[in-house]
Amino acid sequence: MKIYTKTGDTGMTSLARGGRVAKSDSRVEMYGTCDELNSSLGITVSLLTPNSELRDPLYFIQSLLFELGSELAGYLPPGRENSTSLNEEDIHYLENEIDRMNESLPELRSFILPGGTPPASHLHLSRTICRRLERIMVREKLEKGIVHEMGIRFINRLSDYLFVAARYENHCSKTEDVIWKSRNK
């Protein structure tokens, strides 16, 4: 398989269901941001210790993001064109993981600065990419109706998961979250 096709040299690309659009099209931005989020999580995984509890959940989430990215690019398996690859169990999975990690975390009473260990810092960065993807998906849903609501729910919950996972990574590494101190107080 050749990696380069030269078909995008003029700034156009093909969508999964056919048709060509400018690489600046909002749909390309949407699935490209999903890919960016997935890549960011890949960096995070590479920074985790080999025995980190976050490794397997993040691999699972990366696989789900591949499914979502395909969907956002316009691909769904035959017979499921008006459906979604994500399901309620995927959201419950994230919620269960959030609850599990939260059990060992100190109560949060203030905003915290993104940072800590390198993996935690990358989880915070991934969270912000996830929020950007959510904004794009919501815009596409409202303006064009091309995004399934389940995907938006999943991405919303994923950003919560990534925030808690960053705190959990810091906690497991015995690194305290840095509390934000407003200059106005």
Protein backbone atom coordinates (compact mmCIF):
# COMPACT_ATOMS: atom_id res chain seq x y z
CA MET A 1 0.00 0.00 0.00
CA LYS A 2 1.35 3.38 -0.98
CA ILE A 3 1.17 6.03 1.71
CA TYR A 4 1.09 8.92 -0.71
CA THR A 5 -1.59 9.19 -3.37
CA LYS A 6 -1.03 12.77 -4.53
CA THR A 7 -4.81 13.25 -4.62
CA GLY A 8 -4.61 15.79 -1.82
CA ASP A 9 -1.97 17.96 -3.42
CA THR A 10 -4.55 20.55 -4.44
CA GLY A 11 -5.96 20.92 -0.92
CA MET A 12 -8.89 18.56 -1.40
CA THR A 13 -9.59 15.24 0.31
CA SER A 14 -12.12 12.45 0.08
CA LEU A 15 -14.71 11.71 2.73
CA ALA A 16 -15.31 8.12 3.79
CA ARG A 17 -18.75 7.98 2.13
CA GLY A 18 -17.49 9.59 -1.04
CA GLY A 19 -17.30 13.12 -2.26
CA ARG A 20 -14.40 15.50 -2.05
CA VAL A 21 -14.10 18.52 0.20
CA ALA A 22 -11.47 21.11 0.98
CA LYS A 23 -9.03 20.05 3.66
CA SER A 24 -10.23 23.14 5.54
CA ASP A 25 -13.79 21.74 5.65
CA SER A 26 -15.23 21.61 9.16
CA ARG A 27 -15.74 17.84 8.89
CA VAL A 28 -12.04 17.36 8.20
CA GLU A 29 -11.25 19.61 11.16
CA MET A 30 -13.57 17.48 13.30
CA TYR A 31 -12.12 14.06 12.51
CA GLY A 32 -8.62 15.54 12.42
CA THR A 33 -9.12 16.82 15.96
CA CYS A 34 -10.28 13.36 17.00
CA ASP A 35 -7.04 11.98 15.54
CA GLU A 36 -5.06 14.69 17.37
CA LEU A 37 -6.71 13.67 20.66
CA ASN A 38 -5.89 10.02 19.99
CA SER A 39 -2.26 10.90 19.23
CA SER A 40 -2.04 12.98 22.37
CA LEU A 41 -3.22 9.99 24.39
CA GLY A 42 -0.56 7.91 22.66
CA ILE A 43 2.09 10.27 24.03
CA THR A 44 0.55 9.92 27.47
CA VAL A 45 0.67 6.13 27.32
CA SER A 46 4.32 6.25 26.26
CA LEU A 47 5.12 8.26 29.40
CA LEU A 48 3.32 5.98 31.86
CA THR A 49 5.20 3.50 33.99
CA PRO A 50 4.85 -0.06 32.67
CA ASN A 51 2.57 -1.06 35.56
CA SER A 52 0.33 2.02 35.47
CA GLU A 53 -3.38 1.33 36.00
CA LEU A 54 -4.13 3.91 33.31
CA ARG A 55 -2.42 2.05 30.47
CA ASP A 56 -5.20 -0.42 29.58
CA PRO A 57 -8.07 2.07 29.97
CA LEU A 58 -6.24 4.54 27.73
CA TYR A 59 -5.63 1.87 25.08
CA PHE A 60 -9.34 1.04 25.18
CA ILE A 61 -10.23 4.74 24.85
CA GLN A 62 -7.82 5.12 21.93
CA SER A 63 -9.60 2.25 20.17
CA LEU A 64 -12.95 3.93 20.75
CA LEU A 65 -11.54 7.19 19.38
CA PHE A 66 -10.54 5.35 16.20
CA GLU A 67 -14.15 4.18 15.90
CA LEU A 68 -15.43 7.70 16.50
CA GLY A 69 -12.91 9.21 14.07
CA SER A 70 -14.08 6.86 11.33
CA GLU A 71 -17.65 7.81 12.08
CA LEU A 72 -16.85 11.53 12.00
CA ALA A 73 -15.13 11.00 8.65
CA GLY A 74 -18.41 9.54 7.38
CA TYR A 75 -17.81 5.82 7.68
CA LEU A 76 -20.14 3.39 9.40
CA PRO A 77 -20.44 -0.32 8.65
CA PRO A 78 -23.11 -1.27 6.09
CA GLY A 79 -26.55 -1.30 7.65
CA ARG A 80 -25.53 1.13 10.39
CA GLU A 81 -25.26 4.34 8.35
CA ASN A 82 -27.63 6.29 10.60
CA SER A 83 -26.30 4.85 13.83
CA THR A 84 -23.13 5.18 15.85
CA SER A 85 -20.24 2.94 16.77
CA LEU A 86 -20.36 4.11 20.39
CA ASN A 87 -22.89 2.88 22.91
CA GLU A 88 -24.19 3.50 26.39
CA GLU A 89 -21.75 0.93 27.84
CA ASP A 90 -18.82 3.06 26.63
CA ILE A 91 -20.12 6.01 28.61
CA HIS A 92 -20.75 3.81 31.66
CA TYR A 93 -17.20 2.53 31.35
CA LEU A 94 -15.84 6.07 31.60
CA GLU A 95 -18.14 6.90 34.52
CA ASN A 96 -17.10 3.76 36.39
CA GLU A 97 -13.44 4.57 35.86
CA ILE A 98 -14.00 8.15 37.04
CA ASP A 99 -15.74 6.90 40.18
CA ARG A 100 -13.03 4.30 40.84
CA MET A 101 -10.22 6.85 40.58
CA ASN A 102 -12.11 9.50 42.54
CA GLU A 103 -12.40 7.17 45.54
CA SER A 104 -8.71 7.57 46.30
CA LEU A 105 -8.37 11.26 45.44
CA PRO A 106 -8.56 14.10 47.94
CA GLU A 107 -11.68 16.22 47.61
CA LEU A 108 -11.24 19.06 45.15
CA ARG A 109 -12.26 22.42 46.59
CA SER A 110 -10.42 24.74 44.22
CA PHE A 111 -9.39 25.00 40.62
CA ILE A 112 -6.04 23.39 39.89
CA LEU A 113 -3.35 24.30 37.41
CA PRO A 114 -2.82 21.76 34.64
CA GLY A 115 0.45 19.96 35.25
CA GLY A 116 2.26 17.61 37.54
CA THR A 117 4.04 14.55 36.22
CA PRO A 118 4.67 14.34 32.47
CA PRO A 119 1.82 11.81 31.99
CA ALA A 120 -0.57 13.96 34.07
CA SER A 121 0.42 17.06 32.11
CA HIS A 122 -0.31 15.27 28.85
CA LEU A 123 -3.65 14.08 30.20
CA HIS A 124 -4.53 17.72 30.91
CA LEU A 125 -3.47 18.63 27.37
CA SER A 126 -5.58 15.78 26.01
CA ARG A 127 -8.51 17.10 28.04
CA THR A 128 -8.27 20.48 26.32
CA ILE A 129 -8.09 18.83 22.88
CA CYS A 130 -11.11 16.75 23.88
CA ARG A 131 -13.05 19.90 24.80
CA ARG A 132 -12.13 21.46 21.44
CA LEU A 133 -13.39 18.33 19.68
CA GLU A 134 -16.61 18.56 21.66
CA ARG A 135 -17.13 22.18 20.57
CA ILE A 136 -16.59 21.23 16.92
CA MET A 137 -18.93 18.23 17.19
CA VAL A 138 -21.66 20.32 18.80
CA ARG A 139 -21.33 22.95 16.08
CA GLU A 140 -21.57 20.28 13.37
CA LYS A 141 -24.60 18.73 15.08
CA LEU A 142 -26.38 22.07 15.37
CA GLU A 143 -25.48 23.40 11.93
CA LYS A 144 -25.51 20.26 9.78
CA GLY A 145 -27.00 17.48 11.91
CA ILE A 146 -24.14 15.16 10.93
CA VAL A 147 -22.95 14.15 14.41
CA HIS A 148 -24.68 11.51 16.48
CA GLU A 149 -25.63 12.63 20.00
CA MET A 150 -23.92 9.55 21.52
CA GLY A 151 -20.56 10.78 20.22
CA ILE A 152 -21.04 14.14 21.89
CA ARG A 153 -22.01 12.48 25.17
CA PHE A 154 -18.96 10.21 24.98
CA ILE A 155 -16.57 13.08 24.32
CA ASN A 156 -18.12 15.15 27.10
CA ARG A 157 -17.62 12.30 29.56
CA LEU A 158 -14.14 11.60 28.21
CA SER A 159 -13.01 15.11 29.09
CA ASP A 160 -14.19 14.48 32.66
CA TYR A 161 -12.33 11.17 32.67
CA LEU A 162 -9.12 12.84 31.44
CA PHE A 163 -9.31 15.47 34.20
CA VAL A 164 -9.72 12.84 36.90
CA ALA A 165 -7.08 10.61 35.31
CA ALA A 166 -4.58 13.49 35.41
CA ARG A 167 -5.29 14.00 39.11
CA TYR A 168 -5.10 10.24 39.68
CA GLU A 169 -1.74 9.98 37.90
CA ASN A 170 -0.37 12.78 40.08
CA HIS A 171 -1.81 11.14 43.21
CA CYS A 172 -0.30 7.72 42.38
CA SER A 173 3.05 9.43 41.71
CA LYS A 174 2.81 11.32 45.01
CA THR A 175 2.73 14.64 43.18
CA GLU A 176 0.30 17.19 44.57
CA ASP A 177 -1.99 19.16 42.31
CA VAL A 178 -1.11 22.84 42.27
CA ILE A 179 -4.03 24.95 43.49
CA TRP A 180 -4.80 28.02 41.39
CA LYS A 181 -4.54 31.22 43.41
CA SER A 182 -6.38 34.14 41.90
CA ARG A 183 -4.67 37.53 41.98
CA ASN A 184 -8.10 39.05 42.61
CA LYS A 185 -8.62 37.47 46.01
